[in-house]
Amino acid sequence: MQLGLVFALAWAVLALVAGIALVTRRRWLAETITAERRSRPGRAAARAPSRALFVVIGLLFIVMGLFIIGWWVATSL
């Protein structure tokens, strides 16, 4: 197996894991970021990041991972 292919497959797995984590933990992430921003003295009115933002980014990571795996399968046939 070529080194570049191993790197691509490792990146695909990391992208899938990160994407799934972003989609499933979006509420916790938004609440944690909001609490961190509000804990600073000058930022009491800081806005929370949208949960939809985490879903969109997570889905992009999932699609990227699936694309890399699909590309690998297509090239190995």
C-alpha atoms as a PDB file:
ATOM      1  CA  MET A   1       0.000   0.000   0.000  1.00  0.00           C
ATOM      2  CA  GLN A   2       1.349   3.420  -0.913  1.00  0.00           C
ATOM      3  CA  LEU A   3       2.137   5.961   1.780  1.00  0.00           C
ATOM      4  CA  GLY A   4      -0.183   8.566   0.242  1.00  0.00           C
ATOM      5  CA  LEU A   5      -3.069   6.111   0.259  1.00  0.00           C
ATOM      6  CA  VAL A   6      -2.477   5.258   3.912  1.00  0.00           C
ATOM      7  CA  PHE A   7      -2.483   8.976   4.732  1.00  0.00           C
ATOM      8  CA  ALA A   8      -5.712   9.502   2.765  1.00  0.00           C
ATOM      9  CA  LEU A   9      -7.464   6.636   4.521  1.00  0.00           C
ATOM     10  CA  ALA A  10      -6.306   7.839   7.929  1.00  0.00           C
ATOM     11  CA  TRP A  11      -7.583  11.329   7.066  1.00  0.00           C
ATOM     12  CA  ALA A  12     -10.915   9.833   5.952  1.00  0.00           C
ATOM     13  CA  VAL A  13     -11.341   7.999   9.257  1.00  0.00           C
ATOM     14  CA  LEU A  14     -10.440  11.137  11.238  1.00  0.00           C
ATOM     15  CA  ALA A  15     -12.888  13.188   9.169  1.00  0.00           C
ATOM     16  CA  LEU A  16     -15.677  10.689   9.801  1.00  0.00           C
ATOM     17  CA  VAL A  17     -15.023  10.583  13.542  1.00  0.00           C
ATOM     18  CA  ALA A  18     -14.787  14.376  13.816  1.00  0.00           C
ATOM     19  CA  GLY A  19     -17.928  14.850  11.736  1.00  0.00           C
ATOM     20  CA  ILE A  20     -19.942  12.398  13.800  1.00  0.00           C
ATOM     21  CA  ALA A  21     -18.672  14.015  17.008  1.00  0.00           C
ATOM     22  CA  LEU A  22     -19.663  17.490  15.803  1.00  0.00           C
ATOM     23  CA  VAL A  23     -23.143  16.363  14.807  1.00  0.00           C
ATOM     24  CA  THR A  24     -23.855  14.340  17.949  1.00  0.00           C
ATOM     25  CA  ARG A  25     -22.292  16.738  20.485  1.00  0.00           C
ATOM     26  CA  ARG A  26     -23.495  20.028  18.952  1.00  0.00           C
ATOM     27  CA  ARG A  27     -25.602  21.108  21.927  1.00  0.00           C
ATOM     28  CA  TRP A  28     -22.814  20.469  24.425  1.00  0.00           C
ATOM     29  CA  LEU A  29     -20.296  22.284  22.218  1.00  0.00           C
ATOM     30  CA  ALA A  30     -22.550  25.350  21.842  1.00  0.00           C
ATOM     31  CA  GLU A  31     -23.249  25.491  25.585  1.00  0.00           C
ATOM     32  CA  THR A  32     -19.569  25.081  26.491  1.00  0.00           C
ATOM     33  CA  ILE A  33     -18.439  27.821  24.113  1.00  0.00           C
ATOM     34  CA  THR A  34     -21.188  30.130  25.365  1.00  0.00           C
ATOM     35  CA  ALA A  35     -20.244  29.536  29.000  1.00  0.00           C
ATOM     36  CA  GLU A  36     -16.577  30.182  28.222  1.00  0.00           C
ATOM     37  CA  ARG A  37     -17.355  33.419  26.431  1.00  0.00           C
ATOM     38  CA  ARG A  38     -19.639  34.669  29.198  1.00  0.00           C
ATOM     39  CA  SER A  39     -17.115  33.853  31.917  1.00  0.00           C
ATOM     40  CA  ARG A  40     -14.827  36.624  30.731  1.00  0.00           C
ATOM     41  CA  PRO A  41     -15.631  40.010  32.321  1.00  0.00           C
ATOM     42  CA  GLY A  42     -16.007  42.071  29.158  1.00  0.00           C
ATOM     43  CA  ARG A  43     -18.040  39.529  27.179  1.00  0.00           C
ATOM     44  CA  ALA A  44     -21.216  38.981  29.203  1.00  0.00           C
ATOM     45  CA  ALA A  45     -23.458  39.504  26.176  1.00  0.00           C
ATOM     46  CA  ALA A  46     -21.478  37.256  23.820  1.00  0.00           C
ATOM     47  CA  ARG A  47     -23.585  35.319  21.377  1.00  0.00           C
ATOM     48  CA  ALA A  48     -23.648  31.553  21.315  1.00  0.00           C
ATOM     49  CA  PRO A  49     -22.566  29.735  18.175  1.00  0.00           C
ATOM     50  CA  SER A  50     -25.461  28.242  16.283  1.00  0.00           C
ATOM     51  CA  ARG A  51     -26.064  24.516  16.688  1.00  0.00           C
ATOM     52  CA  ALA A  52     -26.793  24.402  12.972  1.00  0.00           C
ATOM     53  CA  LEU A  53     -23.225  25.534  12.342  1.00  0.00           C
ATOM     54  CA  PHE A  54     -21.902  22.401  14.042  1.00  0.00           C
ATOM     55  CA  VAL A  55     -24.310  20.235  12.026  1.00  0.00           C
ATOM     56  CA  VAL A  56     -23.211  21.794   8.730  1.00  0.00           C
ATOM     57  CA  ILE A  57     -19.492  21.493   9.515  1.00  0.00           C
ATOM     58  CA  GLY A  58     -19.975  17.959  10.834  1.00  0.00           C
ATOM     59  CA  LEU A  59     -21.847  16.887   7.704  1.00  0.00           C
ATOM     60  CA  LEU A  60     -19.106  18.398   5.530  1.00  0.00           C
ATOM     61  CA  PHE A  61     -16.509  16.343   7.399  1.00  0.00           C
ATOM     62  CA  ILE A  62     -18.629  13.195   7.009  1.00  0.00           C
ATOM     63  CA  VAL A  63     -19.061  13.804   3.278  1.00  0.00           C
ATOM     64  CA  MET A  64     -15.323  14.414   2.892  1.00  0.00           C
ATOM     65  CA  GLY A  65     -14.521  11.154   4.682  1.00  0.00           C
ATOM     66  CA  LEU A  66     -17.014   9.184   2.617  1.00  0.00           C
ATOM     67  CA  PHE A  67     -15.689  10.748  -0.590  1.00  0.00           C
ATOM     68  CA  ILE A  68     -12.126   9.697   0.230  1.00  0.00           C
ATOM     69  CA  ILE A  69     -13.226   6.156   1.070  1.00  0.00           C
ATOM     70  CA  GLY A  70     -15.331   5.999  -2.109  1.00  0.00           C
ATOM     71  CA  TRP A  71     -12.384   7.257  -4.149  1.00  0.00           C
ATOM     72  CA  TRP A  72     -10.164   4.580  -2.604  1.00  0.00           C
ATOM     73  CA  VAL A  73     -12.695   1.843  -3.409  1.00  0.00           C
ATOM     74  CA  ALA A  74     -13.102   3.109  -6.974  1.00  0.00           C
ATOM     75  CA  THR A  75      -9.353   3.171  -7.592  1.00  0.00           C
ATOM     76  CA  SER A  76      -8.803  -0.290  -6.120  1.00  0.00           C
ATOM     77  CA  LEU A  77     -11.293  -1.984  -8.471  1.00  0.00           C
END
